Full PDB file with SEQRES, HELIX, SHEET, SSBOND, CRYST1, ORIGX, SCALE, CONECT and MASTER records, all heavy atoms in Angstrom:
SEQRES   1 A   38  VAL LEU LEU ASN LEU SER PRO TYR GLY ARG ALA GLN VAL          
SEQRES   2 A   38  ALA GLU HIS VAL ASP TRP ASN VAL TRP PHE SER PHE PHE          
SEQRES   3 A   38  ASN ILE ASN LEU GLU LYS ARG SER PRO GLY ASP LYS              
HELIX    1 AA1 TRP A   19  SER A   24  1                                   6    
HELIX    2 AA2 LEU A   30  LYS A   32  5                                   3    
CRYST1    1.000    1.000    1.000  90.00  90.00  90.00 P 1           1          
ORIGX1      1.000000  0.000000  0.000000        0.00000                         
ORIGX2      0.000000  1.000000  0.000000        0.00000                         
ORIGX3      0.000000  0.000000  1.000000        0.00000                         
SCALE1      1.000000  0.000000  0.000000        0.00000                         
SCALE2      0.000000  1.000000  0.000000        0.00000                         
SCALE3      0.000000  0.000000  1.000000        0.00000                         
ATOM      1  N   VAL A   1       4.447   2.393 -94.079  1.00  0.00           N  
ATOM      2  CA  VAL A   1       5.900   2.236 -93.919  1.00  0.00           C  
ATOM      3  C   VAL A   1       6.573   2.696 -95.204  1.00  0.00           C  
ATOM      4  O   VAL A   1       6.357   2.111 -96.273  1.00  0.00           O  
ATOM      5  CB  VAL A   1       6.281   0.768 -93.628  1.00  0.00           C  
ATOM      6  CG1 VAL A   1       7.806   0.627 -93.547  1.00  0.00           C  
ATOM      7  CG2 VAL A   1       5.646   0.310 -92.324  1.00  0.00           C  
ATOM      8  N   LEU A   2       7.373   3.740 -95.108  1.00  0.00           N  
ATOM      9  CA  LEU A   2       8.053   4.299 -96.272  1.00  0.00           C  
ATOM     10  C   LEU A   2       9.538   3.961 -96.213  1.00  0.00           C  
ATOM     11  O   LEU A   2      10.209   4.215 -95.206  1.00  0.00           O  
ATOM     12  CB  LEU A   2       7.862   5.822 -96.324  1.00  0.00           C  
ATOM     13  CG  LEU A   2       6.412   6.304 -96.483  1.00  0.00           C  
ATOM     14  CD1 LEU A   2       6.355   7.821 -96.439  1.00  0.00           C  
ATOM     15  CD2 LEU A   2       5.790   5.773 -97.771  1.00  0.00           C  
ATOM     16  N   LEU A   3      10.038   3.381 -97.279  1.00  0.00           N  
ATOM     17  CA  LEU A   3      11.448   3.030 -97.401  1.00  0.00           C  
ATOM     18  C   LEU A   3      12.111   4.126 -98.220  1.00  0.00           C  
ATOM     19  O   LEU A   3      11.783   4.315 -99.389  1.00  0.00           O  
ATOM     20  CB  LEU A   3      11.592   1.659 -98.068  1.00  0.00           C  
ATOM     21  CG  LEU A   3      10.759   0.541 -97.413  1.00  0.00           C  
ATOM     22  CD1 LEU A   3      10.905  -0.760 -98.182  1.00  0.00           C  
ATOM     23  CD2 LEU A   3      11.151   0.351 -95.954  1.00  0.00           C  
ATOM     24  N   ASN A   4      13.024   4.839 -97.597  1.00  0.00           N  
ATOM     25  CA  ASN A   4      13.510   6.101 -98.142  1.00  0.00           C  
ATOM     26  C   ASN A   4      14.974   6.026 -98.535  1.00  0.00           C  
ATOM     27  O   ASN A   4      15.804   5.483 -97.789  1.00  0.00           O  
ATOM     28  CB  ASN A   4      13.325   7.206 -97.088  1.00  0.00           C  
ATOM     29  CG  ASN A   4      13.440   8.595 -97.674  1.00  0.00           C  
ATOM     30  OD1 ASN A   4      12.837   8.886 -98.702  1.00  0.00           O  
ATOM     31  ND2 ASN A   4      14.219   9.445 -97.033  1.00  0.00           N  
ATOM     32  N   LEU A   5      15.320   6.571 -99.710  1.00  0.00           N  
ATOM     33  CA  LEU A   5      16.708   6.607-100.172  1.00  0.00           C  
ATOM     34  C   LEU A   5      17.418   7.795 -99.528  1.00  0.00           C  
ATOM     35  O   LEU A   5      17.063   8.947 -99.752  1.00  0.00           O  
ATOM     36  CB  LEU A   5      16.766   6.719-101.692  1.00  0.00           C  
ATOM     37  CG  LEU A   5      18.171   6.659-102.319  1.00  0.00           C  
ATOM     38  CD1 LEU A   5      18.830   5.320-102.021  1.00  0.00           C  
ATOM     39  CD2 LEU A   5      18.083   6.887-103.824  1.00  0.00           C  
ATOM     40  N   SER A   6      18.453   7.494 -98.757  1.00  0.00           N  
ATOM     41  CA  SER A   6      19.210   8.518 -98.037  1.00  0.00           C  
ATOM     42  C   SER A   6      20.344   9.044 -98.907  1.00  0.00           C  
ATOM     43  O   SER A   6      20.935   8.300 -99.688  1.00  0.00           O  
ATOM     44  CB  SER A   6      19.783   7.923 -96.745  1.00  0.00           C  
ATOM     45  OG  SER A   6      20.796   8.750 -96.211  1.00  0.00           O  
ATOM     46  N   PRO A   7      20.702  10.336 -98.761  1.00  0.00           N  
ATOM     47  CA  PRO A   7      21.794  10.902 -99.558  1.00  0.00           C  
ATOM     48  C   PRO A   7      23.180  10.616 -98.997  1.00  0.00           C  
ATOM     49  O   PRO A   7      24.173  10.878 -99.658  1.00  0.00           O  
ATOM     50  CB  PRO A   7      21.501  12.411 -99.518  1.00  0.00           C  
ATOM     51  CG  PRO A   7      20.849  12.617 -98.202  1.00  0.00           C  
ATOM     52  CD  PRO A   7      20.014  11.373 -97.974  1.00  0.00           C  
ATOM     53  N   TYR A   8      23.276  10.078 -97.786  1.00  0.00           N  
ATOM     54  CA  TYR A   8      24.576   9.898 -97.156  1.00  0.00           C  
ATOM     55  C   TYR A   8      25.440   8.901 -97.918  1.00  0.00           C  
ATOM     56  O   TYR A   8      24.993   7.833 -98.315  1.00  0.00           O  
ATOM     57  CB  TYR A   8      24.405   9.426 -95.710  1.00  0.00           C  
ATOM     58  CG  TYR A   8      23.732  10.457 -94.836  1.00  0.00           C  
ATOM     59  CD1 TYR A   8      22.447  10.251 -94.353  1.00  0.00           C  
ATOM     60  CD2 TYR A   8      24.372  11.653 -94.526  1.00  0.00           C  
ATOM     61  CE1 TYR A   8      21.809  11.196 -93.579  1.00  0.00           C  
ATOM     62  CE2 TYR A   8      23.742  12.609 -93.746  1.00  0.00           C  
ATOM     63  CZ  TYR A   8      22.466  12.375 -93.272  1.00  0.00           C  
ATOM     64  OH  TYR A   8      21.840  13.320 -92.510  1.00  0.00           O  
ATOM     65  N   GLY A   9      26.703   9.290 -98.127  1.00  0.00           N  
ATOM     66  CA  GLY A   9      27.646   8.421 -98.808  1.00  0.00           C  
ATOM     67  C   GLY A   9      27.488   8.397-100.301  1.00  0.00           C  
ATOM     68  O   GLY A   9      28.123   7.604-100.996  1.00  0.00           O  
ATOM     69  N   ARG A  10      26.631   9.273-100.833  1.00  0.00           N  
ATOM     70  CA  ARG A  10      26.393   9.306-102.268  1.00  0.00           C  
ATOM     71  C   ARG A  10      26.890  10.637-102.827  1.00  0.00           C  
ATOM     72  O   ARG A  10      26.904  11.649-102.146  1.00  0.00           O  
ATOM     73  CB  ARG A  10      24.897   9.153-102.576  1.00  0.00           C  
ATOM     74  CG  ARG A  10      24.308   7.880-102.018  1.00  0.00           C  
ATOM     75  CD  ARG A  10      22.792   7.896-102.093  1.00  0.00           C  
ATOM     76  NE  ARG A  10      22.321   7.996-103.462  1.00  0.00           N  
ATOM     77  CZ  ARG A  10      22.144   6.964-104.261  1.00  0.00           C  
ATOM     78  NH1 ARG A  10      22.410   5.752-103.840  1.00  0.00           N  
ATOM     79  NH2 ARG A  10      21.695   7.125-105.493  1.00  0.00           N  
ATOM     80  N   ALA A  11      27.321  10.643-104.080  1.00  0.00           N  
ATOM     81  CA  ALA A  11      27.812  11.872-104.711  1.00  0.00           C  
ATOM     82  C   ALA A  11      26.645  12.808-104.977  1.00  0.00           C  
ATOM     83  O   ALA A  11      25.658  12.424-105.589  1.00  0.00           O  
ATOM     84  CB  ALA A  11      28.523  11.548-106.022  1.00  0.00           C  
ATOM     85  N   GLN A  12      26.769  14.039-104.511  1.00  0.00           N  
ATOM     86  CA  GLN A  12      25.695  15.004-104.735  1.00  0.00           C  
ATOM     87  C   GLN A  12      25.902  15.729-106.065  1.00  0.00           C  
ATOM     88  O   GLN A  12      26.254  16.901-106.118  1.00  0.00           O  
ATOM     89  CB  GLN A  12      25.653  15.994-103.565  1.00  0.00           C  
ATOM     90  CG  GLN A  12      25.318  15.322-102.247  1.00  0.00           C  
ATOM     91  CD  GLN A  12      24.019  14.525-102.328  1.00  0.00           C  
ATOM     92  OE1 GLN A  12      22.960  15.071-102.574  1.00  0.00           O  
ATOM     93  NE2 GLN A  12      24.098  13.216-102.122  1.00  0.00           N  
ATOM     94  N   VAL A  13      25.717  14.994-107.146  1.00  0.00           N  
ATOM     95  CA  VAL A  13      25.899  15.572-108.480  1.00  0.00           C  
ATOM     96  C   VAL A  13      24.591  16.124-109.040  1.00  0.00           C  
ATOM     97  O   VAL A  13      24.568  16.746-110.074  1.00  0.00           O  
ATOM     98  CB  VAL A  13      26.476  14.518-109.453  1.00  0.00           C  
ATOM     99  CG1 VAL A  13      27.845  14.057-108.977  1.00  0.00           C  
ATOM    100  CG2 VAL A  13      25.530  13.320-109.579  1.00  0.00           C  
ATOM    101  N   ALA A  14      23.504  15.865-108.329  1.00  0.00           N  
ATOM    102  CA  ALA A  14      22.207  16.382-108.742  1.00  0.00           C  
ATOM    103  C   ALA A  14      21.334  16.445-107.494  1.00  0.00           C  
ATOM    104  O   ALA A  14      21.649  15.842-106.467  1.00  0.00           O  
ATOM    105  CB  ALA A  14      21.567  15.469-109.793  1.00  0.00           C  
ATOM    106  N   GLU A  15      20.236  17.179-107.592  1.00  0.00           N  
ATOM    107  CA  GLU A  15      19.340  17.278-106.446  1.00  0.00           C  
ATOM    108  C   GLU A  15      18.857  15.892-106.041  1.00  0.00           C  
ATOM    109  O   GLU A  15      18.462  15.075-106.868  1.00  0.00           O  
ATOM    110  CB  GLU A  15      18.143  18.169-106.798  1.00  0.00           C  
ATOM    111  CG  GLU A  15      17.141  18.318-105.654  1.00  0.00           C  
ATOM    112  CD  GLU A  15      15.890  19.055-106.090  1.00  0.00           C  
ATOM    113  OE1 GLU A  15      15.860  19.531-107.235  1.00  0.00           O  
ATOM    114  OE2 GLU A  15      14.948  19.138-105.288  1.00  0.00           O  
ATOM    115  N   HIS A  16      18.900  15.633-104.733  1.00  0.00           N  
ATOM    116  CA  HIS A  16      18.485  14.332-104.236  1.00  0.00           C  
ATOM    117  C   HIS A  16      16.963  14.256-104.156  1.00  0.00           C  
ATOM    118  O   HIS A  16      16.299  15.187-103.704  1.00  0.00           O  
ATOM    119  CB  HIS A  16      19.097  14.096-102.850  1.00  0.00           C  
ATOM    120  CG  HIS A  16      18.736  12.771-102.273  1.00  0.00           C  
ATOM    121  ND1 HIS A  16      19.244  11.581-102.765  1.00  0.00           N  
ATOM    122  CD2 HIS A  16      17.902  12.432-101.255  1.00  0.00           C  
ATOM    123  CE1 HIS A  16      18.746  10.583-102.072  1.00  0.00           C  
ATOM    124  NE2 HIS A  16      17.933  11.063-101.149  1.00  0.00           N  
ATOM    125  N   VAL A  17      16.402  13.148-104.597  1.00  0.00           N  
ATOM    126  CA  VAL A  17      14.955  12.946-104.557  1.00  0.00           C  
ATOM    127  C   VAL A  17      14.645  11.869-103.523  1.00  0.00           C  
ATOM    128  O   VAL A  17      15.091  10.728-103.649  1.00  0.00           O  
ATOM    129  CB  VAL A  17      14.407  12.531-105.938  1.00  0.00           C  
ATOM    130  CG1 VAL A  17      12.900  12.279-105.848  1.00  0.00           C  
ATOM    131  CG2 VAL A  17      14.706  13.603-106.975  1.00  0.00           C  
ATOM    132  N   ASP A  18      13.894  12.247-102.487  1.00  0.00           N  
ATOM    133  CA  ASP A  18      13.430  11.280-101.497  1.00  0.00           C  
ATOM    134  C   ASP A  18      11.919  11.442-101.348  1.00  0.00           C  
ATOM    135  O   ASP A  18      11.271  12.174-102.105  1.00  0.00           O  
ATOM    136  CB  ASP A  18      14.160  11.470-100.162  1.00  0.00           C  
ATOM    137  CG  ASP A  18      14.017  12.886 -99.613  1.00  0.00           C  
ATOM    138  OD1 ASP A  18      13.135  13.631-100.108  1.00  0.00           O  
ATOM    139  OD2 ASP A  18      14.767  13.246 -98.700  1.00  0.00           O  
ATOM    140  N   TRP A  19      11.339  10.761-100.364  1.00  0.00           N  
ATOM    141  CA  TRP A  19       9.885  10.833-100.193  1.00  0.00           C  
ATOM    142  C   TRP A  19       9.425  12.256 -99.925  1.00  0.00           C  
ATOM    143  O   TRP A  19       8.370  12.676-100.389  1.00  0.00           O  
ATOM    144  CB  TRP A  19       9.452   9.916 -99.052  1.00  0.00           C  
ATOM    145  CG  TRP A  19       9.229   8.493 -99.450  1.00  0.00           C  
ATOM    146  CD1 TRP A  19       9.959   7.411 -99.071  1.00  0.00           C  
ATOM    147  CD2 TRP A  19       8.190   7.994-100.297  1.00  0.00           C  
ATOM    148  NE1 TRP A  19       9.445   6.264 -99.631  1.00  0.00           N  
ATOM    149  CE2 TRP A  19       8.353   6.592-100.389  1.00  0.00           C  
ATOM    150  CE3 TRP A  19       7.141   8.589-100.997  1.00  0.00           C  
ATOM    151  CZ2 TRP A  19       7.510   5.790-101.137  1.00  0.00           C  
ATOM    152  CZ3 TRP A  19       6.283   7.790-101.751  1.00  0.00           C  
ATOM    153  CH2 TRP A  19       6.474   6.403-101.821  1.00  0.00           C  
ATOM    154  N   ASN A  20      10.197  13.000 -99.152  1.00  0.00           N  
ATOM    155  CA  ASN A  20       9.814  14.373 -98.826  1.00  0.00           C  
ATOM    156  C   ASN A  20       9.708  15.218-100.093  1.00  0.00           C  
ATOM    157  O   ASN A  20       8.747  15.978-100.280  1.00  0.00           O  
ATOM    158  CB  ASN A  20      10.837  14.973 -97.865  1.00  0.00           C  
ATOM    159  CG  ASN A  20      10.247  16.071 -97.011  1.00  0.00           C  
ATOM    160  OD1 ASN A  20       9.036  16.151 -96.848  1.00  0.00           O  
ATOM    161  ND2 ASN A  20      11.098  16.913 -96.469  1.00  0.00           N  
ATOM    162  N   VAL A  21      10.715  15.086-100.968  1.00  0.00           N  
ATOM    163  CA  VAL A  21      10.708  15.835-102.232  1.00  0.00           C  
ATOM    164  C   VAL A  21       9.556  15.365-103.120  1.00  0.00           C  
ATOM    165  O   VAL A  21       8.829  16.189-103.713  1.00  0.00           O  
ATOM    166  CB  VAL A  21      12.062  15.670-102.956  1.00  0.00           C  
ATOM    167  CG1 VAL A  21      12.003  16.284-104.348  1.00  0.00           C  
ATOM    168  CG2 VAL A  21      13.194  16.292-102.142  1.00  0.00           C  
ATOM    169  N   TRP A  22       9.376  14.065-103.223  1.00  0.00           N  
ATOM    170  CA  TRP A  22       8.338  13.523-104.110  1.00  0.00           C  
ATOM    171  C   TRP A  22       6.946  13.970-103.668  1.00  0.00           C  
ATOM    172  O   TRP A  22       6.137  14.441-104.493  1.00  0.00           O  
ATOM    173  CB  TRP A  22       8.420  11.994-104.142  1.00  0.00           C  
ATOM    174  CG  TRP A  22       7.624  11.369-105.246  1.00  0.00           C  
ATOM    175  CD1 TRP A  22       8.009  11.145-106.532  1.00  0.00           C  
ATOM    176  CD2 TRP A  22       6.258  10.916-105.153  1.00  0.00           C  
ATOM    177  NE1 TRP A  22       6.984  10.573-107.249  1.00  0.00           N  
ATOM    178  CE2 TRP A  22       5.889  10.410-106.432  1.00  0.00           C  
ATOM    179  CE3 TRP A  22       5.315  10.872-104.121  1.00  0.00           C  
ATOM    180  CZ2 TRP A  22       4.635   9.885-106.699  1.00  0.00           C  
ATOM    181  CZ3 TRP A  22       4.055  10.357-104.391  1.00  0.00           C  
ATOM    182  CH2 TRP A  22       3.725   9.870-105.661  1.00  0.00           C  
ATOM    183  N   PHE A  23       6.634  13.865-102.374  1.00  0.00           N  
ATOM    184  CA  PHE A  23       5.328  14.268-101.879  1.00  0.00           C  
ATOM    185  C   PHE A  23       5.077  15.770-102.064  1.00  0.00           C  
ATOM    186  O   PHE A  23       3.935  16.199-102.241  1.00  0.00           O  
ATOM    187  CB  PHE A  23       5.191  13.909-100.395  1.00  0.00           C  
ATOM    188  CG  PHE A  23       4.663  12.523-100.145  1.00  0.00           C  
ATOM    189  CD1 PHE A  23       5.379  11.626 -99.368  1.00  0.00           C  
ATOM    190  CD2 PHE A  23       3.441  12.120-100.675  1.00  0.00           C  
ATOM    191  CE1 PHE A  23       4.889  10.355 -99.122  1.00  0.00           C  
ATOM    192  CE2 PHE A  23       2.948  10.840-100.439  1.00  0.00           C  
ATOM    193  CZ  PHE A  23       3.673   9.952 -99.663  1.00  0.00           C  
ATOM    194  N   SER A  24       6.157  16.560-102.031  1.00  0.00           N  
ATOM    195  CA  SER A  24       5.990  18.013-102.140  1.00  0.00           C  
ATOM    196  C   SER A  24       5.374  18.421-103.481  1.00  0.00           C  
ATOM    197  O   SER A  24       4.729  19.473-103.570  1.00  0.00           O  
ATOM    198  CB  SER A  24       7.338  18.719-101.953  1.00  0.00           C  
ATOM    199  OG  SER A  24       8.206  18.478-103.051  1.00  0.00           O  
ATOM    200  N   PHE A  25       5.533  17.609-104.515  1.00  0.00           N  
ATOM    201  CA  PHE A  25       4.941  17.922-105.821  1.00  0.00           C  
ATOM    202  C   PHE A  25       3.421  17.791-105.803  1.00  0.00           C  
ATOM    203  O   PHE A  25       2.742  18.285-106.701  1.00  0.00           O  
ATOM    204  CB  PHE A  25       5.539  17.018-106.903  1.00  0.00           C  
ATOM    205  CG  PHE A  25       6.911  17.421-107.339  1.00  0.00           C  
ATOM    206  CD1 PHE A  25       8.026  16.862-106.764  1.00  0.00           C  
ATOM    207  CD2 PHE A  25       7.092  18.391-108.314  1.00  0.00           C  
ATOM    208  CE1 PHE A  25       9.306  17.236-107.146  1.00  0.00           C  
ATOM    209  CE2 PHE A  25       8.357  18.780-108.709  1.00  0.00           C  
ATOM    210  CZ  PHE A  25       9.465  18.205-108.129  1.00  0.00           C  
ATOM    211  N   PHE A  26       2.911  17.134-104.752  1.00  0.00           N  
ATOM    212  CA  PHE A  26       1.462  16.968-104.643  1.00  0.00           C  
ATOM    213  C   PHE A  26       0.919  17.697-103.416  1.00  0.00           C  
ATOM    214  O   PHE A  26      -0.171  17.398-102.930  1.00  0.00           O  
ATOM    215  CB  PHE A  26       1.130  15.473-104.588  1.00  0.00           C  
ATOM    216  CG  PHE A  26       1.684  14.702-105.749  1.00  0.00           C  
ATOM    217  CD1 PHE A  26       2.902  14.020-105.621  1.00  0.00           C  
ATOM    218  CD2 PHE A  26       1.052  14.699-106.983  1.00  0.00           C  
ATOM    219  CE1 PHE A  26       3.442  13.330-106.698  1.00  0.00           C  
ATOM    220  CE2 PHE A  26       1.591  14.011-108.059  1.00  0.00           C  
ATOM    221  CZ  PHE A  26       2.795  13.326-107.924  1.00  0.00           C  
ATOM    222  N   ASN A  27       1.742  18.644-102.912  1.00  0.00           N  
ATOM    223  CA  ASN A  27       1.359  19.489-101.769  1.00  0.00           C  
ATOM    224  C   ASN A  27       0.995  18.672-100.540  1.00  0.00           C  
ATOM    225  O   ASN A  27       0.052  19.001 -99.798  1.00  0.00           O  
ATOM    226  CB  ASN A  27       0.185  20.410-102.157  1.00  0.00           C  
ATOM    227  CG  ASN A  27       0.538  21.353-103.288  1.00  0.00           C  
ATOM    228  OD1 ASN A  27       1.605  21.961-103.284  1.00  0.00           O  
ATOM    229  ND2 ASN A  27      -0.352  21.464-104.272  1.00  0.00           N  
ATOM    230  N   ILE A  28       1.754  17.609-100.339  1.00  0.00           N  
ATOM    231  CA  ILE A  28       1.565  16.776 -99.151  1.00  0.00           C  
ATOM    232  C   ILE A  28       2.814  16.881 -98.292  1.00  0.00           C  
ATOM    233  O   ILE A  28       3.931  16.662 -98.777  1.00  0.00           O  
ATOM    234  CB  ILE A  28       1.286  15.311 -99.540  1.00  0.00           C  
ATOM    235  CG1 ILE A  28      -0.083  15.212-100.218  1.00  0.00           C  
ATOM    236  CG2 ILE A  28       1.349  14.401 -98.319  1.00  0.00           C  
ATOM    237  CD1 ILE A  28      -0.458  13.816-100.637  1.00  0.00           C  
ATOM    238  N   ASN A  29       2.617  17.232 -97.016  1.00  0.00           N  
ATOM    239  CA  ASN A  29       3.725  17.417 -96.084  1.00  0.00           C  
ATOM    240  C   ASN A  29       3.990  16.116 -95.345  1.00  0.00           C  
ATOM    241  O   ASN A  29       3.143  15.635 -94.581  1.00  0.00           O  
ATOM    242  CB  ASN A  29       3.393  18.535 -95.094  1.00  0.00           C  
ATOM    243  CG  ASN A  29       4.612  18.946 -94.273  1.00  0.00           C  
ATOM    244  OD1 ASN A  29       5.579  18.205 -94.168  1.00  0.00           O  
ATOM    245  ND2 ASN A  29       4.549  20.131 -93.685  1.00  0.00           N  
ATOM    246  N   LEU A  30       5.147  15.545 -95.563  1.00  0.00           N  
ATOM    247  CA  LEU A  30       5.485  14.273 -94.932  1.00  0.00           C  
ATOM    248  C   LEU A  30       5.611  14.405 -93.423  1.00  0.00           C  
ATOM    249  O   LEU A  30       5.387  13.436 -92.681  1.00  0.00           O  
ATOM    250  CB  LEU A  30       6.799  13.740 -95.524  1.00  0.00           C  
ATOM    251  CG  LEU A  30       7.182  12.298 -95.179  1.00  0.00           C  
ATOM    252  CD1 LEU A  30       6.108  11.330 -95.650  1.00  0.00           C  
ATOM    253  CD2 LEU A  30       8.526  11.943 -95.817  1.00  0.00           C  
ATOM    254  N   GLU A  31       5.928  15.601 -92.936  1.00  0.00           N  
ATOM    255  CA  GLU A  31       6.102  15.801 -91.502  1.00  0.00           C  
ATOM    256  C   GLU A  31       4.777  15.722 -90.746  1.00  0.00           C  
ATOM    257  O   GLU A  31       4.770  15.638 -89.519  1.00  0.00           O  
ATOM    258  CB  GLU A  31       6.774  17.150 -91.248  1.00  0.00           C  
ATOM    259  CG  GLU A  31       8.198  17.230 -91.782  1.00  0.00           C  
ATOM    260  CD  GLU A  31       8.842  18.573 -91.521  1.00  0.00           C  
ATOM    261  OE1 GLU A  31       8.157  19.449 -90.938  1.00  0.00           O  
ATOM    262  OE2 GLU A  31      10.023  18.743 -91.893  1.00  0.00           O  
ATOM    263  N   LYS A  32       3.661  15.737 -91.462  1.00  0.00           N  
ATOM    264  CA  LYS A  32       2.352  15.666 -90.820  1.00  0.00           C  
ATOM    265  C   LYS A  32       1.848  14.226 -90.707  1.00  0.00           C  
ATOM    266  O   LYS A  32       0.654  13.995 -90.496  1.00  0.00           O  
ATOM    267  CB  LYS A  32       1.340  16.522 -91.588  1.00  0.00           C  
ATOM    268  CG  LYS A  32       1.637  18.016 -91.505  1.00  0.00           C  
ATOM    269  CD  LYS A  32       0.553  18.833 -92.191  1.00  0.00           C  
ATOM    270  CE  LYS A  32       0.838  20.332 -92.061  1.00  0.00           C  
ATOM    271  NZ  LYS A  32      -0.213  21.152 -92.734  1.00  0.00           N  
ATOM    272  N   ARG A  33       2.762  13.283 -90.865  1.00  0.00           N  
ATOM    273  CA  ARG A  33       2.375  11.877 -90.669  1.00  0.00           C  
ATOM    274  C   ARG A  33       1.827  11.670 -89.262  1.00  0.00           C  
ATOM    275  O   ARG A  33       2.344  12.218 -88.287  1.00  0.00           O  
ATOM    276  CB  ARG A  33       3.589  10.962 -90.878  1.00  0.00           C  
ATOM    277  CG  ARG A  33       3.846  10.607 -92.327  1.00  0.00           C  
ATOM    278  CD  ARG A  33       5.250  10.060 -92.528  1.00  0.00           C  
ATOM    279  NE  ARG A  33       5.585   8.927 -91.692  1.00  0.00           N  
ATOM    280  CZ  ARG A  33       5.534   7.650 -92.090  1.00  0.00           C  
ATOM    281  NH1 ARG A  33       5.111   7.359 -93.301  1.00  0.00           N  
ATOM    282  NH2 ARG A  33       5.912   6.694 -91.293  1.00  0.00           N  
ATOM    283  N   SER A  34       0.807  10.824 -89.164  1.00  0.00           N  
ATOM    284  CA  SER A  34       0.237  10.529 -87.852  1.00  0.00           C  
ATOM    285  C   SER A  34       1.218   9.698 -87.034  1.00  0.00           C  
ATOM    286  O   SER A  34       1.883   8.804 -87.574  1.00  0.00           O  
ATOM    287  CB  SER A  34      -1.076   9.759 -88.003  1.00  0.00           C  
ATOM    288  OG  SER A  34      -1.998  10.495 -88.779  1.00  0.00           O  
ATOM    289  N   PRO A  35       1.334   9.966 -85.722  1.00  0.00           N  
ATOM    290  CA  PRO A  35       2.205   9.138 -84.890  1.00  0.00           C  
ATOM    291  C   PRO A  35       1.648   7.720 -84.816  1.00  0.00           C  
ATOM    292  O   PRO A  35       0.440   7.506 -84.748  1.00  0.00           O  
ATOM    293  CB  PRO A  35       2.165   9.838 -83.526  1.00  0.00           C  
ATOM    294  CG  PRO A  35       0.878  10.594 -83.520  1.00  0.00           C  
ATOM    295  CD  PRO A  35       0.651  11.021 -84.945  1.00  0.00           C  
ATOM    296  N   GLY A  36       2.522   6.751 -84.845  1.00  0.00           N  
ATOM    297  CA  GLY A  36       2.076   5.360 -84.808  1.00  0.00           C  
ATOM    298  C   GLY A  36       3.231   4.431 -85.094  1.00  0.00           C  
ATOM    299  O   GLY A  36       4.397   4.795 -84.952  1.00  0.00           O  
ATOM    300  N   ASP A  37       2.914   3.211 -85.510  1.00  0.00           N  
ATOM    301  CA  ASP A  37       3.954   2.206 -85.712  1.00  0.00           C  
ATOM    302  C   ASP A  37       4.446   2.137 -87.159  1.00  0.00           C  
ATOM    303  O   ASP A  37       5.232   1.263 -87.509  1.00  0.00           O  
ATOM    304  CB  ASP A  37       3.452   0.826 -85.281  1.00  0.00           C  
ATOM    305  CG  ASP A  37       2.219   0.387 -86.079  1.00  0.00           C  
ATOM    306  OD1 ASP A  37       1.705   1.206 -86.858  1.00  0.00           O  
ATOM    307  OD2 ASP A  37       1.793  -0.770 -85.903  1.00  0.00           O  
ATOM    308  N   LYS A  38       3.972   3.039 -88.008  1.00  0.00           N  
ATOM    309  CA  LYS A  38       4.404   3.037 -89.403  1.00  0.00           C  
ATOM    310  C   LYS A  38       5.659   3.905 -89.537  1.00  0.00           C  
ATOM    311  O   LYS A  38       5.583   5.128 -89.581  1.00  0.00           O  
ATOM    312  CB  LYS A  38       3.284   3.556 -90.313  1.00  0.00           C  
ATOM    313  CG  LYS A  38       1.989   2.749 -90.234  1.00  0.00           C  
ATOM    314  CD  LYS A  38       2.188   1.300 -90.635  1.00  0.00           C  
ATOM    315  CE  LYS A  38       0.852   0.562 -90.648  1.00  0.00           C  
ATOM    316  NZ  LYS A  38       1.010  -0.872 -91.002  1.00  0.00           N  
TER     317      LYS A  38                                                      
MASTER        0    0    0    2    0    0    0    6  316    1    0    3          
END                                                                             
């Protein structure tokens, strides 16, 4: 279960960092998560 910081309603004064961005630094694609209850 990943709790993710959303950019909505926030000032875009810098690149937004969320789980997708963070995982990309380790060459892990968040979209390939297994289907399930997580």
